[in-house]
Amino acid sequence: MANKSKLVLENCKIKKSIEQLKCRTASFLPALITMDMKALEEEHKALLSDNAAEVEYLQCLRHRIEQFKGISHVLKCPCGVEYKVELENSG
């Protein structure tokens, strides 16, 4: 009789775990539920690749901004006033 009680108790725990999993998966987007693991892994790799490309782009952009900071030019107005044009460090 004790073995039967243990089995019933274990069965209840398993059913409860299954219900908890069902509740968790109910909040997933339907597209994620239907996708297989390989497709999800490929999507994850693509997102990581996009992130790496974005970081590389931002680093290149910062480098170009630093290059522009060294550029200055003097413009002479027809009225004779000279203006120095350069990029300031604002941040």
PDB file of N, CA and C in Angstrom:
ATOM      1  N   MET A   1       0.819  -1.193   0.000  1.00  0.00           N
ATOM      2  CA  MET A   1       0.000   0.000   0.000  1.00  0.00           C
ATOM      3  C   MET A   1       0.860   1.254   0.000  1.00  0.00           C
ATOM      4  N   ALA A   2       2.010   1.203   0.686  1.00  0.00           N
ATOM      5  CA  ALA A   2       2.908   2.353   0.742  1.00  0.00           C
ATOM      6  C   ALA A   2       3.475   2.661  -0.635  1.00  0.00           C
ATOM      7  N   ASN A   3       3.784   1.613  -1.399  1.00  0.00           N
ATOM      8  CA  ASN A   3       4.305   1.812  -2.759  1.00  0.00           C
ATOM      9  C   ASN A   3       3.271   2.486  -3.647  1.00  0.00           C
ATOM     10  N   LYS A   4       2.003   2.088  -3.466  1.00  0.00           N
ATOM     11  CA  LYS A   4       0.935   2.684  -4.262  1.00  0.00           C
ATOM     12  C   LYS A   4       0.796   4.165  -3.919  1.00  0.00           C
ATOM     13  N   SER A   5       0.900   4.521  -2.646  1.00  0.00           N
ATOM     14  CA  SER A   5       0.816   5.917  -2.218  1.00  0.00           C
ATOM     15  C   SER A   5       1.957   6.736  -2.800  1.00  0.00           C
ATOM     16  N   LYS A   6       3.150   6.144  -2.809  1.00  0.00           N
ATOM     17  CA  LYS A   6       4.308   6.837  -3.387  1.00  0.00           C
ATOM     18  C   LYS A   6       4.106   7.075  -4.875  1.00  0.00           C
ATOM     19  N   LEU A   7       3.570   6.065  -5.566  1.00  0.00           N
ATOM     20  CA  LEU A   7       3.328   6.207  -7.003  1.00  0.00           C
ATOM     21  C   LEU A   7       2.277   7.275  -7.285  1.00  0.00           C
ATOM     22  N   VAL A   8       1.227   7.289  -6.484  1.00  0.00           N
ATOM     23  CA  VAL A   8       0.171   8.292  -6.656  1.00  0.00           C
ATOM     24  C   VAL A   8       0.734   9.686  -6.401  1.00  0.00           C
ATOM     25  N   LEU A   9       1.543   9.819  -5.347  1.00  0.00           N
ATOM     26  CA  LEU A   9       2.154  11.108  -5.019  1.00  0.00           C
ATOM     27  C   LEU A   9       3.102  11.562  -6.134  1.00  0.00           C
ATOM     28  N   GLU A  10       3.917  10.636  -6.626  1.00  0.00           N
ATOM     29  CA  GLU A  10       4.850  10.965  -7.717  1.00  0.00           C
ATOM     30  C   GLU A  10       4.089  11.343  -8.983  1.00  0.00           C
ATOM     31  N   ASN A  11       3.006  10.627  -9.253  1.00  0.00           N
ATOM     32  CA  ASN A  11       2.172  10.917 -10.419  1.00  0.00           C
ATOM     33  C   ASN A  11       1.585  12.320 -10.312  1.00  0.00           C
ATOM     34  N   CYS A  12       1.136  12.704  -9.126  1.00  0.00           N
ATOM     35  CA  CYS A  12       0.587  14.051  -8.916  1.00  0.00           C
ATOM     36  C   CYS A  12       1.655  15.119  -9.140  1.00  0.00           C
ATOM     37  N   LYS A  13       2.876  14.857  -8.653  1.00  0.00           N
ATOM     38  CA  LYS A  13       3.969  15.811  -8.847  1.00  0.00           C
ATOM     39  C   LYS A  13       4.291  15.984 -10.326  1.00  0.00           C
ATOM     40  N   ILE A  14       4.299  14.878 -11.050  1.00  0.00           N
ATOM     41  CA  ILE A  14       4.594  14.941 -12.486  1.00  0.00           C
ATOM     42  C   ILE A  14       3.505  15.714 -13.218  1.00  0.00           C
ATOM     43  N   LYS A  15       2.243  15.445 -12.884  1.00  0.00           N
ATOM     44  CA  LYS A  15       1.139  16.174 -13.518  1.00  0.00           C
ATOM     45  C   LYS A  15       1.237  17.671 -13.230  1.00  0.00           C
ATOM     46  N   LYS A  16       1.603  18.006 -11.991  1.00  0.00           N
ATOM     47  CA  LYS A  16       1.752  19.413 -11.616  1.00  0.00           C
ATOM     48  C   LYS A  16       2.878  20.063 -12.417  1.00  0.00           C
ATOM     49  N   SER A  17       3.994  19.353 -12.578  1.00  0.00           N
ATOM     50  CA  SER A  17       5.120  19.869 -13.372  1.00  0.00           C
ATOM     51  C   SER A  17       4.714  20.096 -14.820  1.00  0.00           C
ATOM     52  N   ILE A  18       3.955  19.165 -15.364  1.00  0.00           N
ATOM     53  CA  ILE A  18       3.487  19.295 -16.751  1.00  0.00           C
ATOM     54  C   ILE A  18       2.593  20.520 -16.894  1.00  0.00           C
ATOM     55  N   GLU A  19       1.698  20.728 -15.950  1.00  0.00           N
ATOM     56  CA  GLU A  19       0.816  21.894 -15.993  1.00  0.00           C
ATOM     57  C   GLU A  19       1.602  23.201 -15.889  1.00  0.00           C
ATOM     58  N   GLN A  20       2.639  23.208 -15.053  1.00  0.00           N
ATOM     59  CA  GLN A  20       3.474  24.404 -14.933  1.00  0.00           C
ATOM     60  C   GLN A  20       4.186  24.697 -16.251  1.00  0.00           C
ATOM     61  N   LEU A  21       4.681  23.646 -16.904  1.00  0.00           N
ATOM     62  CA  LEU A  21       5.335  23.832 -18.205  1.00  0.00           C
ATOM     63  C   LEU A  21       4.353  24.346 -19.246  1.00  0.00           C
ATOM     64  N   LYS A  22       3.138  23.814 -19.218  1.00  0.00           N
ATOM     65  CA  LYS A  22       2.120  24.284 -20.161  1.00  0.00           C
ATOM     66  C   LYS A  22       1.834  25.766 -19.947  1.00  0.00           C
ATOM     67  N   CYS A  23       1.770  26.188 -18.690  1.00  0.00           N
ATOM     68  CA  CYS A  23       1.523  27.608 -18.392  1.00  0.00           C
ATOM     69  C   CYS A  23       2.672  28.475 -18.896  1.00  0.00           C
ATOM     70  N   ARG A  24       3.899  28.002 -18.720  1.00  0.00           N
ATOM     71  CA  ARG A  24       5.058  28.777 -19.191  1.00  0.00           C
ATOM     72  C   ARG A  24       5.077  28.877 -20.712  1.00  0.00           C
ATOM     73  N   THR A  25       4.815  27.769 -21.384  1.00  0.00           N
ATOM     74  CA  THR A  25       4.869  27.792 -22.846  1.00  0.00           C
ATOM     75  C   THR A  25       3.692  28.548 -23.442  1.00  0.00           C
ATOM     76  N   ALA A  26       2.619  28.710 -22.697  1.00  0.00           N
ATOM     77  CA  ALA A  26       1.463  29.454 -23.205  1.00  0.00           C
ATOM     78  C   ALA A  26       1.823  30.913 -23.453  1.00  0.00           C
ATOM     79  N   SER A  27       2.822  31.423 -22.725  1.00  0.00           N
ATOM     80  CA  SER A  27       3.212  32.823 -22.899  1.00  0.00           C
ATOM     81  C   SER A  27       4.176  33.021 -24.066  1.00  0.00           C
ATOM     82  N   PHE A  28       4.674  31.936 -24.666  1.00  0.00           N
ATOM     83  CA  PHE A  28       5.583  32.053 -25.805  1.00  0.00           C
ATOM     84  C   PHE A  28       4.817  32.504 -27.042  1.00  0.00           C
ATOM     85  N   LEU A  29       5.524  33.188 -27.913  1.00  0.00           N
ATOM     86  CA  LEU A  29       4.912  33.567 -29.181  1.00  0.00           C
ATOM     87  C   LEU A  29       4.625  32.306 -29.995  1.00  0.00           C
ATOM     88  N   PRO A  30       3.507  32.268 -30.706  1.00  0.00           N
ATOM     89  CA  PRO A  30       3.178  31.078 -31.500  1.00  0.00           C
ATOM     90  C   PRO A  30       4.280  30.701 -32.490  1.00  0.00           C
ATOM     91  N   ALA A  31       4.963  31.693 -33.047  1.00  0.00           N
ATOM     92  CA  ALA A  31       6.032  31.397 -34.004  1.00  0.00           C
ATOM     93  C   ALA A  31       7.175  30.639 -33.337  1.00  0.00           C
ATOM     94  N   LEU A  32       7.468  30.964 -32.093  1.00  0.00           N
ATOM     95  CA  LEU A  32       8.538  30.264 -31.382  1.00  0.00           C
ATOM     96  C   LEU A  32       8.155  28.828 -31.061  1.00  0.00           C
ATOM     97  N   ILE A  33       6.899  28.614 -30.765  1.00  0.00           N
ATOM     98  CA  ILE A  33       6.443  27.267 -30.425  1.00  0.00           C
ATOM     99  C   ILE A  33       6.572  26.341 -31.627  1.00  0.00           C
ATOM    100  N   THR A  34       6.272  26.845 -32.818  1.00  0.00           N
ATOM    101  CA  THR A  34       6.301  25.998 -34.006  1.00  0.00           C
ATOM    102  C   THR A  34       7.696  25.837 -34.599  1.00  0.00           C
ATOM    103  N   MET A  35       8.637  26.701 -34.212  1.00  0.00           N
ATOM    104  CA  MET A  35       9.997  26.597 -34.755  1.00  0.00           C
ATOM    105  C   MET A  35      10.738  25.438 -34.108  1.00  0.00           C
ATOM    106  N   ASP A  36      11.562  24.777 -34.890  1.00  0.00           N
ATOM    107  CA  ASP A  36      12.382  23.721 -34.310  1.00  0.00           C
ATOM    108  C   ASP A  36      13.659  24.313 -33.717  1.00  0.00           C
ATOM    109  N   MET A  37      14.378  23.521 -32.960  1.00  0.00           N
ATOM    110  CA  MET A  37      15.553  23.996 -32.241  1.00  0.00           C
ATOM    111  C   MET A  37      16.635  24.488 -33.197  1.00  0.00           C
ATOM    112  N   LYS A  38      16.817  23.811 -34.313  1.00  0.00           N
ATOM    113  CA  LYS A  38      17.858  24.215 -35.264  1.00  0.00           C
ATOM    114  C   LYS A  38      17.561  25.605 -35.824  1.00  0.00           C
ATOM    115  N   ALA A  39      16.311  25.852 -36.152  1.00  0.00           N
ATOM    116  CA  ALA A  39      15.929  27.164 -36.680  1.00  0.00           C
ATOM    117  C   ALA A  39      16.148  28.248 -35.629  1.00  0.00           C
ATOM    118  N   LEU A  40      15.830  27.943 -34.378  1.00  0.00           N
ATOM    119  CA  LEU A  40      16.052  28.915 -33.306  1.00  0.00           C
ATOM    120  C   LEU A  40      17.538  29.196 -33.113  1.00  0.00           C
ATOM    121  N   GLU A  41      18.369  28.147 -33.211  1.00  0.00           N
ATOM    122  CA  GLU A  41      19.814  28.333 -33.081  1.00  0.00           C
ATOM    123  C   GLU A  41      20.352  29.192 -34.221  1.00  0.00           C
ATOM    124  N   GLU A  42      19.860  28.963 -35.437  1.00  0.00           N
ATOM    125  CA  GLU A  42      20.290  29.766 -36.585  1.00  0.00           C
ATOM    126  C   GLU A  42      19.871  31.224 -36.408  1.00  0.00           C
ATOM    127  N   GLU A  43      18.678  31.442 -35.906  1.00  0.00           N
ATOM    128  CA  GLU A  43      18.193  32.805 -35.658  1.00  0.00           C
ATOM    129  C   GLU A  43      19.064  33.486 -34.600  1.00  0.00           C
ATOM    130  N   HIS A  44      19.422  32.745 -33.570  1.00  0.00           N
ATOM    131  CA  HIS A  44      20.274  33.284 -32.505  1.00  0.00           C
ATOM    132  C   HIS A  44      21.642  33.663 -33.061  1.00  0.00           C
ATOM    133  N   LYS A  45      22.225  32.803 -33.895  1.00  0.00           N
ATOM    134  CA  LYS A  45      23.523  33.100 -34.513  1.00  0.00           C
ATOM    135  C   LYS A  45      23.433  34.350 -35.383  1.00  0.00           C
ATOM    136  N   ALA A  46      22.343  34.478 -36.125  1.00  0.00           N
ATOM    137  CA  ALA A  46      22.162  35.649 -36.987  1.00  0.00           C
ATOM    138  C   ALA A  46      22.076  36.925 -36.150  1.00  0.00           C
ATOM    139  N   LEU A  47      21.361  36.857 -35.037  1.00  0.00           N
ATOM    140  CA  LEU A  47      21.257  38.030 -34.165  1.00  0.00           C
ATOM    141  C   LEU A  47      22.608  38.398 -33.569  1.00  0.00           C
ATOM    142  N   LEU A  48      23.383  37.393 -33.167  1.00  0.00           N
ATOM    143  CA  LEU A  48      24.721  37.664 -32.635  1.00  0.00           C
ATOM    144  C   LEU A  48      25.609  38.279 -33.706  1.00  0.00           C
ATOM    145  N   SER A  49      25.482  37.789 -34.932  1.00  0.00           N
ATOM    146  CA  SER A  49      26.269  38.321 -36.043  1.00  0.00           C
ATOM    147  C   SER A  49      25.890  39.772 -36.312  1.00  0.00           C
ATOM    148  N   ASP A  50      24.586  40.061 -36.294  1.00  0.00           N
ATOM    149  CA  ASP A  50      24.120  41.436 -36.489  1.00  0.00           C
ATOM    150  C   ASP A  50      24.674  42.345 -35.399  1.00  0.00           C
ATOM    151  N   ASN A  51      24.695  41.847 -34.178  1.00  0.00           N
ATOM    152  CA  ASN A  51      25.206  42.628 -33.053  1.00  0.00           C
ATOM    153  C   ASN A  51      26.689  42.916 -33.243  1.00  0.00           C
ATOM    154  N   ALA A  52      27.451  41.912 -33.669  1.00  0.00           N
ATOM    155  CA  ALA A  52      28.889  42.098 -33.888  1.00  0.00           C
ATOM    156  C   ALA A  52      29.131  43.116 -34.996  1.00  0.00           C
ATOM    157  N   ALA A  53      28.337  43.047 -36.060  1.00  0.00           N
ATOM    158  CA  ALA A  53      28.480  43.997 -37.166  1.00  0.00           C
ATOM    159  C   ALA A  53      28.141  45.416 -36.700  1.00  0.00           C
ATOM    160  N   GLU A  54      27.139  45.540 -35.861  1.00  0.00           N
ATOM    161  CA  GLU A  54      26.757  46.860 -35.348  1.00  0.00           C
ATOM    162  C   GLU A  54      27.868  47.445 -34.475  1.00  0.00           C
ATOM    163  N   VAL A  55      28.472  46.614 -33.636  1.00  0.00           N
ATOM    164  CA  VAL A  55      29.576  47.075 -32.788  1.00  0.00           C
ATOM    165  C   VAL A  55      30.743  47.530 -33.656  1.00  0.00           C
ATOM    166  N   GLU A  56      31.049  46.743 -34.687  1.00  0.00           N
ATOM    167  CA  GLU A  56      32.146  47.104 -35.598  1.00  0.00           C
ATOM    168  C   GLU A  56      31.852  48.432 -36.296  1.00  0.00           C
ATOM    169  N   TYR A  57      30.607  48.617 -36.739  1.00  0.00           N
ATOM    170  CA  TYR A  57      30.211  49.856 -37.399  1.00  0.00           C
ATOM    171  C   TYR A  57      30.369  51.048 -36.455  1.00  0.00           C
ATOM    172  N   LEU A  58      29.924  50.896 -35.203  1.00  0.00           N
ATOM    173  CA  LEU A  58      30.026  51.994 -34.242  1.00  0.00           C
ATOM    174  C   LEU A  58      31.479  52.333 -33.931  1.00  0.00           C
ATOM    175  N   GLN A  59      32.341  51.331 -33.854  1.00  0.00           N
ATOM    176  CA  GLN A  59      33.763  51.590 -33.621  1.00  0.00           C
ATOM    177  C   GLN A  59      34.367  52.347 -34.797  1.00  0.00           C
ATOM    178  N   CYS A  60      34.002  51.953 -36.004  1.00  0.00           N
ATOM    179  CA  CYS A  60      34.484  52.637 -37.207  1.00  0.00           C
ATOM    180  C   CYS A  60      33.987  54.084 -37.218  1.00  0.00           C
ATOM    181  N   LEU A  61      32.738  54.278 -36.842  1.00  0.00           N
ATOM    182  CA  LEU A  61      32.155  55.616 -36.802  1.00  0.00           C
ATOM    183  C   LEU A  61      32.880  56.499 -35.784  1.00  0.00           C
ATOM    184  N   ARG A  62      33.180  55.945 -34.612  1.00  0.00           N
ATOM    185  CA  ARG A  62      33.929  56.707 -33.602  1.00  0.00           C
ATOM    186  C   ARG A  62      35.308  57.092 -34.133  1.00  0.00           C
ATOM    187  N   HIS A  63      35.948  56.170 -34.837  1.00  0.00           N
ATOM    188  CA  HIS A  63      37.267  56.442 -35.408  1.00  0.00           C
ATOM    189  C   HIS A  63      37.184  57.588 -36.419  1.00  0.00           C
ATOM    190  N   ARG A  64      36.165  57.563 -37.266  1.00  0.00           N
ATOM    191  CA  ARG A  64      35.988  58.632 -38.269  1.00  0.00           C
ATOM    192  C   ARG A  64      35.735  59.977 -37.585  1.00  0.00           C
ATOM    193  N   ILE A  65      34.956  59.970 -36.520  1.00  0.00           N
ATOM    194  CA  ILE A  65      34.696  61.215 -35.787  1.00  0.00           C
ATOM    195  C   ILE A  65      35.989  61.766 -35.214  1.00  0.00           C
ATOM    196  N   GLU A  66      36.822  60.898 -34.664  1.00  0.00           N
ATOM    197  CA  GLU A  66      38.118  61.338 -34.136  1.00  0.00           C
ATOM    198  C   GLU A  66      38.971  61.946 -35.247  1.00  0.00           C
ATOM    199  N   GLN A  67      38.902  61.368 -36.447  1.00  0.00           N
ATOM    200  CA  GLN A  67      39.652  61.926 -37.579  1.00  0.00           C
ATOM    201  C   GLN A  67      39.136  63.320 -37.929  1.00  0.00           C
ATOM    202  N   PHE A  68      37.828  63.502 -37.907  1.00  0.00           N
ATOM    203  CA  PHE A  68      37.248  64.803 -38.239  1.00  0.00           C
ATOM    204  C   PHE A  68      37.595  65.862 -37.204  1.00  0.00           C
ATOM    205  N   LYS A  69      37.789  65.456 -35.966  1.00  0.00           N
ATOM    206  CA  LYS A  69      38.112  66.415 -34.913  1.00  0.00           C
ATOM    207  C   LYS A  69      39.428  67.126 -35.195  1.00  0.00           C
ATOM    208  N   GLY A  70      40.304  66.499 -35.946  1.00  0.00           N
ATOM    209  CA  GLY A  70      41.589  67.117 -36.263  1.00  0.00           C
ATOM    210  C   GLY A  70      41.531  68.072 -37.441  1.00  0.00           C
ATOM    211  N   ILE A  71      40.396  68.144 -38.096  1.00  0.00           N
ATOM    212  CA  ILE A  71      40.277  68.989 -39.287  1.00  0.00           C
ATOM    213  C   ILE A  71      39.753  70.365 -38.888  1.00  0.00           C
ATOM    214  N   SER A  72      40.424  71.399 -39.370  1.00  0.00           N
ATOM    215  CA  SER A  72      39.908  72.762 -39.201  1.00  0.00           C
ATOM    216  C   SER A  72      40.215  73.523 -40.486  1.00  0.00           C
ATOM    217  N   HIS A  73      39.381  74.489 -40.763  1.00  0.00           N
ATOM    218  CA  HIS A  73      39.530  75.233 -42.006  1.00  0.00           C
ATOM    219  C   HIS A  73      39.143  76.693 -41.750  1.00  0.00           C
ATOM    220  N   VAL A  74      39.891  77.590 -42.338  1.00  0.00           N
ATOM    221  CA  VAL A  74      39.588  79.015 -42.202  1.00  0.00           C
ATOM    222  C   VAL A  74      38.888  79.469 -43.480  1.00  0.00           C
ATOM    223  N   LEU A  75      37.703  80.037 -43.297  1.00  0.00           N
ATOM    224  CA  LEU A  75      36.936  80.573 -44.419  1.00  0.00           C
ATOM    225  C   LEU A  75      36.973  82.092 -44.346  1.00  0.00           C
ATOM    226  N   LYS A  76      37.130  82.703 -45.505  1.00  0.00           N
ATOM    227  CA  LYS A  76      37.154  84.164 -45.549  1.00  0.00           C
ATOM    228  C   LYS A  76      35.887  84.650 -46.239  1.00  0.00           C
ATOM    229  N   CYS A  77      35.149  85.439 -45.518  1.00  0.00           N
ATOM    230  CA  CYS A  77      33.911  86.013 -46.010  1.00  0.00           C
ATOM    231  C   CYS A  77      34.259  87.125 -47.009  1.00  0.00           C
ATOM    232  N   PRO A  78      33.395  87.376 -48.014  1.00  0.00           N
ATOM    233  CA  PRO A  78      33.657  88.478 -48.950  1.00  0.00           C
ATOM    234  C   PRO A  78      33.814  89.833 -48.250  1.00  0.00           C
ATOM    235  N   CYS A  79      33.258  89.952 -47.049  1.00  0.00           N
ATOM    236  CA  CYS A  79      33.388  91.219 -46.318  1.00  0.00           C
ATOM    237  C   CYS A  79      34.743  91.330 -45.616  1.00  0.00           C
ATOM    238  N   GLY A  80      35.553  90.264 -45.674  1.00  0.00           N
ATOM    239  CA  GLY A  80      36.881  90.304 -45.094  1.00  0.00           C
ATOM    240  C   GLY A  80      37.024  89.598 -43.759  1.00  0.00           C
ATOM    241  N   VAL A  81      35.923  89.213 -43.135  1.00  0.00           N
ATOM    242  CA  VAL A  81      35.988  88.522 -41.845  1.00  0.00           C
ATOM    243  C   VAL A  81      36.360  87.058 -42.081  1.00  0.00           C
ATOM    244  N   GLU A  82      37.263  86.550 -41.251  1.00  0.00           N
ATOM    245  CA  GLU A  82      37.670  85.151 -41.356  1.00  0.00           C
ATOM    246  C   GLU A  82      36.986  84.330 -40.265  1.00  0.00           C
ATOM    247  N   TYR A  83      36.547  83.131 -40.641  1.00  0.00           N
ATOM    248  CA  TYR A  83      35.900  82.215 -39.709  1.00  0.00           C
ATOM    249  C   TYR A  83      36.668  80.900 -39.700  1.00  0.00           C
ATOM    250  N   LYS A  84      36.944  80.382 -38.506  1.00  0.00           N
ATOM    251  CA  LYS A  84      37.602  79.091 -38.384  1.00  0.00           C
ATOM    252  C   LYS A  84      36.513  78.039 -38.163  1.00  0.00           C
ATOM    253  N   VAL A  85      36.492  77.036 -39.016  1.00  0.00           N
ATOM    254  CA  VAL A  85      35.487  75.981 -38.941  1.00  0.00           C
ATOM    255  C   VAL A  85      36.186  74.703 -38.480  1.00  0.00           C
ATOM    256  N   GLU A  86      35.689  74.131 -37.369  1.00  0.00           N
ATOM    257  CA  GLU A  86      36.251  72.875 -36.871  1.00  0.00           C
ATOM    258  C   GLU A  86      35.197  72.138 -36.056  1.00  0.00           C
ATOM    259  N   LEU A  87      35.417  70.855 -35.874  1.00  0.00           N
ATOM    260  CA  LEU A  87      34.503  70.030 -35.094  1.00  0.00           C
ATOM    261  C   LEU A  87      34.914  70.096 -33.632  1.00  0.00           C
ATOM    262  N   GLU A  88      33.975  70.453 -32.774  1.00  0.00           N
ATOM    263  CA  GLU A  88      34.257  70.536 -31.344  1.00  0.00           C
ATOM    264  C   GLU A  88      33.924  69.219 -30.673  1.00  0.00           C
ATOM    265  N   ASN A  89      34.578  68.962 -29.568  1.00  0.00           N
ATOM    266  CA  ASN A  89      34.275  67.784 -28.762  1.00  0.00           C
ATOM    267  C   ASN A  89      33.124  68.132 -27.836  1.00  0.00           C
ATOM    268  N   SER A  90      31.944  67.577 -28.125  1.00  0.00           N
ATOM    269  CA  SER A  90      30.760  67.932 -27.334  1.00  0.00           C
ATOM    270  C   SER A  90      30.371  66.835 -26.354  1.00  0.00           C
ATOM    271  N   GLY A  91      31.130  65.802 -26.257  1.00  0.00           N
ATOM    272  CA  GLY A  91      30.676  64.775 -25.342  1.00  0.00           C
ATOM    273  C   GLY A  91      31.745  63.906 -24.938  1.00  0.00           C
TER     274      GLY A  91
END
